[in-house]
Amino acid sequence: MAKTALGVAVLGSLLFTGASAFGATAPAGGTIKVWVTPSPNGSGGTIVITGAIGDYGKAFNANSAGKPQKKGAYEQLVLKKGTILLNGQQFNAATNNATPTDYSAVSCSGSIVASAPVPIVSGTKAYAGITGSLTLTETAAFVGPFTKSGTCNTSGNGNPAAIWGSVTGSGAVSFN
């Protein structure tokens, strides 16, 4: 009798908590944090999202329809539970126009920090109906290329000798 009562209690608690006991619930919304390791060629990277959404995957440059585009102004997040499309126009402008704060022509090195809002455009699967906005910050450091004469190549037509970067951010999301 006691075993039956315990079994009914466990089953009842699973039924009353719904699918959450099995990890299948849709996100409820709230604050999220974003952690991106950009790819060296600037065309996306790996992403982890924590907080109200716990997911991970890849980020790709895209057009406004979410289709991959090498120099797209949007970011398509292809996550394990669905996709999220972000409008990166303001963020791209901020990072493209960022001036290194510690640039040295002697060592041909410097770093930048740039932040901007990134509105959420749409989502699929678990992220269908997602709305909100993130504030992203890119931090990058570089050692630029040198010319054959040994001066820093500032022409913009050379590849950096070394580069490091990360993109982090946070914001609030909700689901309609």
N, C-alpha and C. Protein backbone atom coordinates (compact mmCIF):
# COMPACT_ATOMS: atom_id res chain seq x y z
N MET A 1 0.82 -1.20 0.00
CA MET A 1 0.00 0.00 0.00
C MET A 1 0.87 1.26 0.00
N ALA A 2 1.93 1.25 0.84
CA ALA A 2 2.83 2.40 0.92
C ALA A 2 3.55 2.60 -0.42
N LYS A 3 3.96 1.49 -1.06
CA LYS A 3 4.64 1.58 -2.36
C LYS A 3 3.71 2.16 -3.41
N THR A 4 2.46 1.75 -3.39
CA THR A 4 1.47 2.25 -4.33
C THR A 4 1.25 3.74 -4.13
N ALA A 5 1.13 4.16 -2.87
CA ALA A 5 0.92 5.58 -2.56
C ALA A 5 2.11 6.41 -3.00
N LEU A 6 3.33 5.89 -2.77
CA LEU A 6 4.55 6.60 -3.19
C LEU A 6 4.59 6.70 -4.72
N GLY A 7 4.25 5.61 -5.40
CA GLY A 7 4.24 5.62 -6.86
C GLY A 7 3.24 6.61 -7.41
N VAL A 8 2.05 6.68 -6.82
CA VAL A 8 1.03 7.63 -7.24
C VAL A 8 1.50 9.06 -6.98
N ALA A 9 2.15 9.28 -5.83
CA ALA A 9 2.65 10.63 -5.50
C ALA A 9 3.71 11.07 -6.50
N VAL A 10 4.64 10.18 -6.84
CA VAL A 10 5.69 10.52 -7.81
C VAL A 10 5.07 10.78 -9.17
N LEU A 11 4.17 9.90 -9.61
CA LEU A 11 3.51 10.08 -10.90
C LEU A 11 2.72 11.38 -10.92
N GLY A 12 2.00 11.66 -9.84
CA GLY A 12 1.23 12.89 -9.76
C GLY A 12 2.11 14.12 -9.83
N SER A 13 3.26 14.09 -9.16
CA SER A 13 4.15 15.26 -9.20
C SER A 13 4.69 15.46 -10.61
N LEU A 14 4.96 14.37 -11.33
CA LEU A 14 5.43 14.50 -12.71
C LEU A 14 4.34 15.07 -13.60
N LEU A 15 3.09 14.61 -13.40
CA LEU A 15 2.00 15.11 -14.22
C LEU A 15 1.70 16.57 -13.93
N PHE A 16 1.74 16.97 -12.67
CA PHE A 16 1.44 18.36 -12.32
C PHE A 16 2.54 19.32 -12.73
N THR A 17 3.78 18.85 -12.77
CA THR A 17 4.86 19.73 -13.22
C THR A 17 4.94 19.74 -14.73
N GLY A 18 4.19 18.88 -15.38
CA GLY A 18 4.14 18.87 -16.83
C GLY A 18 5.43 18.38 -17.44
N ALA A 19 5.68 18.84 -18.64
CA ALA A 19 6.84 18.40 -19.40
C ALA A 19 8.14 18.92 -18.82
N SER A 20 8.08 19.88 -17.90
CA SER A 20 9.32 20.41 -17.35
C SER A 20 10.13 19.33 -16.66
N ALA A 21 9.49 18.33 -16.16
CA ALA A 21 10.22 17.24 -15.53
C ALA A 21 11.09 16.51 -16.55
N PHE A 22 10.74 16.63 -17.81
CA PHE A 22 11.50 15.98 -18.87
C PHE A 22 12.29 16.97 -19.70
N GLY A 23 12.37 18.23 -19.30
CA GLY A 23 13.16 19.24 -20.01
C GLY A 23 12.57 19.69 -21.33
N ALA A 24 11.27 19.58 -21.52
CA ALA A 24 10.67 19.87 -22.82
C ALA A 24 9.86 21.16 -22.84
N THR A 25 9.92 21.97 -21.82
CA THR A 25 9.10 23.17 -21.80
C THR A 25 9.71 24.26 -22.66
N ALA A 26 8.87 25.13 -23.16
CA ALA A 26 9.33 26.29 -23.92
C ALA A 26 9.89 27.31 -22.94
N PRO A 27 10.86 28.13 -23.38
CA PRO A 27 11.39 29.16 -22.49
C PRO A 27 10.28 30.11 -22.05
N ALA A 28 10.38 30.61 -20.83
CA ALA A 28 9.37 31.51 -20.29
C ALA A 28 9.71 32.97 -20.53
N GLY A 29 10.92 33.26 -20.93
CA GLY A 29 11.37 34.63 -21.09
C GLY A 29 12.09 35.10 -19.84
N GLY A 30 12.74 36.24 -19.95
CA GLY A 30 13.52 36.80 -18.86
C GLY A 30 14.86 37.27 -19.37
N THR A 31 15.82 37.36 -18.49
CA THR A 31 17.15 37.85 -18.85
C THR A 31 18.01 36.72 -19.39
N ILE A 32 18.72 37.00 -20.46
CA ILE A 32 19.67 36.04 -21.01
C ILE A 32 21.04 36.71 -21.10
N LYS A 33 22.07 35.88 -21.12
CA LYS A 33 23.44 36.33 -21.38
C LYS A 33 23.94 35.56 -22.58
N VAL A 34 24.74 36.26 -23.40
CA VAL A 34 25.25 35.69 -24.63
C VAL A 34 26.77 35.70 -24.59
N TRP A 35 27.37 34.59 -25.02
CA TRP A 35 28.82 34.43 -25.02
C TRP A 35 29.21 33.89 -26.40
N VAL A 36 29.97 34.67 -27.16
CA VAL A 36 30.33 34.28 -28.53
C VAL A 36 31.85 34.27 -28.67
N THR A 37 32.35 33.20 -29.29
CA THR A 37 33.74 33.16 -29.72
C THR A 37 33.70 33.32 -31.23
N PRO A 38 34.06 34.53 -31.73
CA PRO A 38 33.97 34.76 -33.17
C PRO A 38 34.97 33.89 -33.94
N SER A 39 34.61 33.56 -35.17
CA SER A 39 35.55 32.85 -36.03
C SER A 39 36.60 33.86 -36.51
N PRO A 40 37.81 33.40 -36.78
CA PRO A 40 38.88 34.32 -37.18
C PRO A 40 38.59 35.10 -38.47
N ASN A 41 37.77 34.54 -39.34
CA ASN A 41 37.49 35.23 -40.61
C ASN A 41 36.32 36.21 -40.51
N GLY A 42 35.74 36.36 -39.31
CA GLY A 42 34.68 37.33 -39.10
C GLY A 42 33.32 36.93 -39.60
N SER A 43 33.11 35.66 -39.89
CA SER A 43 31.83 35.23 -40.47
C SER A 43 31.00 34.40 -39.50
N GLY A 44 30.97 34.78 -38.25
CA GLY A 44 30.16 34.05 -37.28
C GLY A 44 31.01 33.53 -36.15
N GLY A 45 30.62 32.40 -35.59
CA GLY A 45 31.36 31.80 -34.49
C GLY A 45 30.50 30.86 -33.68
N THR A 46 31.03 30.45 -32.53
CA THR A 46 30.28 29.58 -31.64
C THR A 46 29.63 30.44 -30.56
N ILE A 47 28.45 30.00 -30.09
CA ILE A 47 27.67 30.81 -29.15
C ILE A 47 27.11 29.93 -28.04
N VAL A 48 27.07 30.50 -26.84
CA VAL A 48 26.42 29.90 -25.69
C VAL A 48 25.48 30.95 -25.12
N ILE A 49 24.24 30.55 -24.81
CA ILE A 49 23.27 31.46 -24.21
C ILE A 49 22.88 30.88 -22.85
N THR A 50 22.93 31.72 -21.81
CA THR A 50 22.58 31.28 -20.46
C THR A 50 21.45 32.15 -19.91
N GLY A 51 20.87 31.71 -18.84
CA GLY A 51 19.78 32.46 -18.20
C GLY A 51 18.44 31.87 -18.56
N ALA A 52 17.50 32.73 -18.97
CA ALA A 52 16.16 32.28 -19.31
C ALA A 52 16.17 31.30 -20.48
N ILE A 53 17.20 31.36 -21.32
CA ILE A 53 17.41 30.39 -22.40
C ILE A 53 18.75 29.72 -22.13
N GLY A 54 18.79 28.43 -22.12
CA GLY A 54 20.04 27.69 -22.02
C GLY A 54 20.22 26.91 -23.30
N ASP A 55 21.12 27.38 -24.16
CA ASP A 55 21.29 26.72 -25.45
C ASP A 55 22.66 27.09 -26.01
N TYR A 56 23.04 26.43 -27.10
CA TYR A 56 24.34 26.68 -27.72
C TYR A 56 24.29 26.29 -29.18
N GLY A 57 25.27 26.77 -29.94
CA GLY A 57 25.32 26.43 -31.35
C GLY A 57 26.28 27.33 -32.09
N LYS A 58 25.89 27.71 -33.30
CA LYS A 58 26.72 28.53 -34.18
C LYS A 58 25.99 29.80 -34.56
N ALA A 59 26.77 30.85 -34.80
CA ALA A 59 26.24 32.12 -35.29
C ALA A 59 26.79 32.34 -36.69
N PHE A 60 25.93 32.81 -37.61
CA PHE A 60 26.33 33.05 -38.99
C PHE A 60 25.87 34.43 -39.43
N ASN A 61 26.69 35.10 -40.22
CA ASN A 61 26.25 36.34 -40.86
C ASN A 61 25.12 35.98 -41.82
N ALA A 62 24.10 36.83 -41.86
CA ALA A 62 22.92 36.52 -42.66
C ALA A 62 22.29 37.80 -43.20
N ASN A 63 21.33 37.63 -44.11
CA ASN A 63 20.53 38.76 -44.57
C ASN A 63 19.28 38.85 -43.69
N SER A 64 18.39 39.78 -44.00
CA SER A 64 17.20 40.00 -43.16
C SER A 64 16.24 38.82 -43.16
N ALA A 65 16.39 37.89 -44.11
CA ALA A 65 15.56 36.70 -44.15
C ALA A 65 16.22 35.52 -43.42
N GLY A 66 17.42 35.74 -42.86
CA GLY A 66 18.12 34.69 -42.14
C GLY A 66 18.96 33.78 -43.01
N LYS A 67 19.10 34.13 -44.29
CA LYS A 67 19.92 33.31 -45.20
C LYS A 67 21.38 33.70 -45.05
N PRO A 68 22.30 32.72 -45.01
CA PRO A 68 23.72 33.03 -44.85
C PRO A 68 24.21 34.03 -45.91
N GLN A 69 24.96 35.00 -45.46
CA GLN A 69 25.51 36.03 -46.34
C GLN A 69 26.83 36.48 -45.72
N LYS A 70 27.91 36.39 -46.51
CA LYS A 70 29.26 36.64 -45.97
C LYS A 70 29.37 37.95 -45.21
N LYS A 71 28.82 39.01 -45.73
CA LYS A 71 28.91 40.31 -45.06
C LYS A 71 27.52 40.79 -44.64
N GLY A 72 26.68 39.86 -44.24
CA GLY A 72 25.31 40.20 -43.86
C GLY A 72 25.24 41.07 -42.62
N ALA A 73 24.22 41.89 -42.55
CA ALA A 73 24.02 42.81 -41.43
C ALA A 73 23.23 42.17 -40.29
N TYR A 74 22.83 40.92 -40.47
CA TYR A 74 22.06 40.20 -39.45
C TYR A 74 22.89 39.00 -38.99
N GLU A 75 22.50 38.44 -37.85
CA GLU A 75 23.14 37.24 -37.33
C GLU A 75 22.07 36.16 -37.15
N GLN A 76 22.30 35.03 -37.74
CA GLN A 76 21.41 33.89 -37.56
C GLN A 76 22.06 32.96 -36.54
N LEU A 77 21.41 32.77 -35.41
CA LEU A 77 21.89 31.86 -34.38
C LEU A 77 21.25 30.51 -34.61
N VAL A 78 22.04 29.53 -34.95
CA VAL A 78 21.53 28.18 -35.19
C VAL A 78 21.85 27.38 -33.94
N LEU A 79 20.84 27.23 -33.10
CA LEU A 79 20.98 26.62 -31.79
C LEU A 79 20.38 25.22 -31.78
N LYS A 80 20.62 24.46 -30.75
CA LYS A 80 20.12 23.09 -30.68
C LYS A 80 18.60 23.02 -30.63
N LYS A 81 17.94 24.05 -30.05
CA LYS A 81 16.49 24.00 -29.88
C LYS A 81 15.74 24.88 -30.88
N GLY A 82 16.44 25.52 -31.81
CA GLY A 82 15.81 26.39 -32.79
C GLY A 82 16.76 27.48 -33.24
N THR A 83 16.24 28.43 -34.00
CA THR A 83 17.08 29.53 -34.49
C THR A 83 16.54 30.85 -33.95
N ILE A 84 17.46 31.83 -33.88
CA ILE A 84 17.10 33.19 -33.50
C ILE A 84 17.80 34.11 -34.49
N LEU A 85 17.04 35.04 -35.09
CA LEU A 85 17.60 36.01 -36.02
C LEU A 85 17.73 37.36 -35.31
N LEU A 86 18.93 37.93 -35.37
CA LEU A 86 19.23 39.21 -34.74
C LEU A 86 19.53 40.25 -35.81
N ASN A 87 19.10 41.50 -35.57
CA ASN A 87 19.43 42.61 -36.46
C ASN A 87 20.72 43.24 -35.93
N GLY A 88 21.83 42.97 -36.60
CA GLY A 88 23.14 43.43 -36.15
C GLY A 88 23.61 44.72 -36.79
N GLN A 89 22.73 45.49 -37.43
CA GLN A 89 23.18 46.68 -38.16
C GLN A 89 23.88 47.69 -37.25
N GLN A 90 23.29 48.02 -36.09
CA GLN A 90 23.91 48.99 -35.19
C GLN A 90 25.21 48.44 -34.60
N PHE A 91 25.21 47.17 -34.27
CA PHE A 91 26.40 46.54 -33.70
C PHE A 91 27.53 46.52 -34.72
N ASN A 92 27.22 46.14 -35.96
CA ASN A 92 28.24 46.13 -37.01
C ASN A 92 28.82 47.52 -37.24
N ALA A 93 27.96 48.54 -37.25
CA ALA A 93 28.43 49.92 -37.44
C ALA A 93 29.36 50.32 -36.28
N ALA A 94 28.97 49.95 -35.06
CA ALA A 94 29.80 50.30 -33.90
C ALA A 94 31.17 49.62 -33.95
N THR A 95 31.19 48.34 -34.31
CA THR A 95 32.47 47.64 -34.34
C THR A 95 33.31 48.06 -35.54
N ASN A 96 32.67 48.31 -36.69
CA ASN A 96 33.43 48.73 -37.87
C ASN A 96 34.02 50.12 -37.71
N ASN A 97 33.38 50.96 -36.90
CA ASN A 97 33.86 52.34 -36.71
C ASN A 97 34.65 52.52 -35.41
N ALA A 98 34.88 51.44 -34.70
CA ALA A 98 35.62 51.54 -33.43
C ALA A 98 37.08 51.90 -33.69
N THR A 99 37.59 52.79 -32.88
CA THR A 99 38.99 53.20 -32.98
C THR A 99 39.75 52.54 -31.84
N PRO A 100 40.89 51.92 -32.15
CA PRO A 100 41.68 51.33 -31.06
C PRO A 100 42.07 52.40 -30.04
N THR A 101 41.91 52.06 -28.78
CA THR A 101 42.22 53.03 -27.72
C THR A 101 43.68 52.98 -27.31
N ASP A 102 44.39 51.92 -27.68
CA ASP A 102 45.79 51.79 -27.27
C ASP A 102 46.68 51.39 -28.45
N TYR A 103 46.38 51.91 -29.61
CA TYR A 103 47.12 51.56 -30.81
C TYR A 103 48.57 52.03 -30.73
N SER A 104 49.49 51.18 -31.17
CA SER A 104 50.91 51.52 -31.24
C SER A 104 51.42 51.20 -32.63
N ALA A 105 51.87 52.22 -33.35
CA ALA A 105 52.43 52.01 -34.69
C ALA A 105 53.77 51.29 -34.60
N VAL A 106 54.47 51.45 -33.49
CA VAL A 106 55.76 50.79 -33.32
C VAL A 106 55.58 49.27 -33.22
N SER A 107 54.63 48.84 -32.39
CA SER A 107 54.40 47.40 -32.25
C SER A 107 53.31 46.90 -33.19
N CYS A 108 52.66 47.81 -33.90
CA CYS A 108 51.57 47.49 -34.84
C CYS A 108 50.49 46.68 -34.13
N SER A 109 50.08 47.16 -32.95
CA SER A 109 49.09 46.42 -32.16
C SER A 109 48.12 47.39 -31.50
N GLY A 110 47.02 46.83 -31.08
CA GLY A 110 46.02 47.63 -30.38
C GLY A 110 44.84 46.78 -29.99
N SER A 111 43.85 47.44 -29.41
CA SER A 111 42.63 46.75 -29.02
C SER A 111 41.45 47.70 -29.16
N ILE A 112 40.27 47.10 -29.29
CA ILE A 112 39.04 47.89 -29.39
C ILE A 112 37.99 47.28 -28.48
N VAL A 113 37.07 48.12 -28.07
CA VAL A 113 35.87 47.69 -27.36
C VAL A 113 34.73 48.50 -27.96
N ALA A 114 33.68 47.82 -28.40
CA ALA A 114 32.53 48.50 -28.99
C ALA A 114 31.25 47.81 -28.54
N SER A 115 30.22 48.61 -28.24
CA SER A 115 28.92 48.08 -27.80
C SER A 115 27.79 48.72 -28.58
N ALA A 116 26.71 47.98 -28.72
CA ALA A 116 25.51 48.51 -29.38
C ALA A 116 24.33 47.59 -29.12
N PRO A 117 23.11 48.13 -29.24
CA PRO A 117 21.92 47.28 -29.10
C PRO A 117 21.73 46.39 -30.33
N VAL A 118 21.17 45.22 -30.09
CA VAL A 118 20.91 44.25 -31.16
C VAL A 118 19.49 43.72 -30.96
N PRO A 119 18.53 44.23 -31.75
CA PRO A 119 17.15 43.76 -31.63
C PRO A 119 16.98 42.32 -32.13
N ILE A 120 16.09 41.59 -31.48
CA ILE A 120 15.75 40.24 -31.92
C ILE A 120 14.64 40.37 -32.95
N VAL A 121 14.84 39.74 -34.11
CA VAL A 121 13.88 39.84 -35.21
C VAL A 121 12.85 38.71 -35.16
N SER A 122 13.32 37.47 -35.00
CA SER A 122 12.41 36.33 -35.04
C SER A 122 13.10 35.08 -34.51
N GLY A 123 12.32 34.01 -34.38
CA GLY A 123 12.86 32.74 -33.94
C GLY A 123 12.05 31.59 -34.50
N THR A 124 12.62 30.39 -34.43
CA THR A 124 11.92 29.18 -34.89
C THR A 124 11.94 28.14 -33.78
N LYS A 125 11.13 27.13 -33.95
CA LYS A 125 11.00 26.00 -33.02
C LYS A 125 10.79 26.52 -31.60
N ALA A 126 11.67 26.19 -30.66
CA ALA A 126 11.49 26.60 -29.26
C ALA A 126 11.50 28.12 -29.11
N TYR A 127 12.03 28.83 -30.10
CA TYR A 127 12.14 30.29 -30.02
C TYR A 127 11.13 31.02 -30.90
N ALA A 128 10.12 30.31 -31.38
CA ALA A 128 9.05 30.94 -32.16
C ALA A 128 8.37 31.99 -31.28
N GLY A 129 8.15 33.18 -31.81
CA GLY A 129 7.49 34.25 -31.06
C GLY A 129 8.41 35.03 -30.15
N ILE A 130 9.72 34.82 -30.24
CA ILE A 130 10.65 35.53 -29.37
C ILE A 130 10.73 37.00 -29.75
N THR A 131 10.79 37.87 -28.76
CA THR A 131 11.00 39.30 -28.95
C THR A 131 11.98 39.77 -27.88
N GLY A 132 12.54 40.94 -28.10
CA GLY A 132 13.45 41.52 -27.12
C GLY A 132 14.65 42.16 -27.80
N SER A 133 15.61 42.50 -26.99
CA SER A 133 16.82 43.14 -27.49
C SER A 133 17.98 42.81 -26.57
N LEU A 134 19.15 42.73 -27.16
CA LEU A 134 20.37 42.48 -26.41
C LEU A 134 21.28 43.70 -26.55
N THR A 135 22.16 43.90 -25.62
CA THR A 135 23.26 44.84 -25.79
C THR A 135 24.51 44.00 -25.84
N LEU A 136 25.19 44.02 -27.00
CA LEU A 136 26.39 43.22 -27.19
C LEU A 136 27.63 44.10 -27.13
N THR A 137 28.71 43.54 -26.63
CA THR A 137 30.00 44.22 -26.57
C THR A 137 31.05 43.32 -27.19
N GLU A 138 31.77 43.87 -28.16
CA GLU A 138 32.89 43.15 -28.75
C GLU A 138 34.18 43.69 -28.16
N THR A 139 35.04 42.80 -27.76
CA THR A 139 36.37 43.14 -27.29
C THR A 139 37.35 42.40 -28.20
N ALA A 140 38.30 43.13 -28.77
CA ALA A 140 39.25 42.51 -29.69
C ALA A 140 40.63 43.12 -29.51
N ALA A 141 41.64 42.29 -29.71
CA ALA A 141 43.03 42.73 -29.68
C ALA A 141 43.71 42.19 -30.92
N PHE A 142 44.67 42.94 -31.43
CA PHE A 142 45.31 42.51 -32.67
C PHE A 142 46.77 42.95 -32.72
N VAL A 143 47.53 42.20 -33.48
CA VAL A 143 48.86 42.60 -33.92
C VAL A 143 48.76 42.62 -35.43
N GLY A 144 48.94 43.79 -35.99
CA GLY A 144 48.76 43.96 -37.43
C GLY A 144 49.94 43.45 -38.23
N PRO A 145 49.76 43.44 -39.53
CA PRO A 145 50.86 43.00 -40.40
C PRO A 145 51.89 44.13 -40.58
N PHE A 146 53.11 43.74 -40.78
CA PHE A 146 54.17 44.69 -41.10
C PHE A 146 54.46 44.64 -42.59
N THR A 147 54.90 45.76 -43.13
CA THR A 147 55.32 45.80 -44.53
C THR A 147 56.71 45.18 -44.64
N LYS A 148 57.18 44.98 -45.85
CA LYS A 148 58.53 44.43 -46.06
C LYS A 148 59.60 45.34 -45.47
N SER A 149 59.31 46.63 -45.40
CA SER A 149 60.30 47.57 -44.84
C SER A 149 60.25 47.62 -43.32
N GLY A 150 59.32 46.87 -42.70
CA GLY A 150 59.27 46.80 -41.26
C GLY A 150 58.34 47.77 -40.58
N THR A 151 57.58 48.55 -41.35
CA THR A 151 56.61 49.47 -40.74
C THR A 151 55.25 48.80 -40.67
N CYS A 152 54.40 49.34 -39.85
CA CYS A 152 53.05 48.78 -39.69
C CYS A 152 52.24 49.02 -40.96
N ASN A 153 51.62 47.99 -41.48
CA ASN A 153 50.79 48.09 -42.68
C ASN A 153 49.40 48.55 -42.25
N THR A 154 49.13 49.82 -42.44
CA THR A 154 47.83 50.38 -42.06
C THR A 154 46.92 50.58 -43.25
N SER A 155 47.27 50.00 -44.38
CA SER A 155 46.49 50.20 -45.61
C SER A 155 45.14 49.48 -45.57
N GLY A 156 45.00 48.52 -44.69
CA GLY A 156 43.74 47.77 -44.62
C GLY A 156 43.71 46.59 -45.57
N ASN A 157 44.76 46.37 -46.34
CA ASN A 157 44.76 45.26 -47.30
C ASN A 157 45.57 44.07 -46.82
N GLY A 158 46.02 44.07 -45.57
CA GLY A 158 46.77 42.94 -45.04
C GLY A 158 46.00 42.24 -43.94
N ASN A 159 46.34 40.99 -43.72
CA ASN A 159 45.71 40.23 -42.63
C ASN A 159 46.49 40.44 -41.35
N PRO A 160 45.80 40.55 -40.22
CA PRO A 160 46.52 40.68 -38.95
C PRO A 160 47.43 39.48 -38.72
N ALA A 161 48.55 39.72 -38.06
CA ALA A 161 49.45 38.63 -37.69
C ALA A 161 48.81 37.78 -36.60
N ALA A 162 48.08 38.42 -35.70
CA ALA A 162 47.38 37.71 -34.63
C ALA A 162 46.16 38.53 -34.24
N ILE A 163 45.11 37.83 -33.85
CA ILE A 163 43.88 38.51 -33.43
C ILE A 163 43.19 37.66 -32.37
N TRP A 164 42.59 38.33 -31.39
CA TRP A 164 41.80 37.67 -30.37
C TRP A 164 40.52 38.48 -30.22
N GLY A 165 39.42 37.79 -29.97
CA GLY A 165 38.19 38.52 -29.78
C GLY A 165 37.14 37.73 -29.04
N SER A 166 36.19 38.47 -28.48
CA SER A 166 35.02 37.84 -27.87
C SER A 166 33.87 38.82 -27.96
N VAL A 167 32.67 38.28 -27.97
CA VAL A 167 31.46 39.09 -27.95
C VAL A 167 30.62 38.56 -26.79
N THR A 168 30.23 39.47 -25.91
CA THR A 168 29.38 39.11 -24.79
C THR A 168 28.23 40.10 -24.72
N GLY A 169 27.20 39.73 -24.03
CA GLY A 169 26.09 40.65 -23.88
C GLY A 169 24.97 40.08 -23.07
N SER A 170 23.95 40.91 -22.88
CA SER A 170 22.77 40.46 -22.15
C SER A 170 21.56 41.28 -22.58
N GLY A 171 20.42 40.78 -22.23
CA GLY A 171 19.19 41.48 -22.55
C GLY A 171 17.99 40.68 -22.07
N ALA A 172 16.83 41.26 -22.30
CA ALA A 172 15.59 40.61 -21.90
C ALA A 172 14.86 40.08 -23.11
N VAL A 173 14.30 38.89 -22.98
CA VAL A 173 13.51 38.29 -24.04
C VAL A 173 12.16 37.89 -23.49
N SER A 174 11.18 37.86 -24.40
CA SER A 174 9.86 37.34 -24.04
C SER A 174 9.32 36.57 -25.23
N PHE A 175 8.25 35.83 -25.00
CA PHE A 175 7.67 35.01 -26.04
C PHE A 175 6.20 35.34 -26.16
N ASN A 176 5.75 35.57 -27.39
CA ASN A 176 4.34 35.88 -27.65
C ASN A 176 3.54 34.61 -27.80
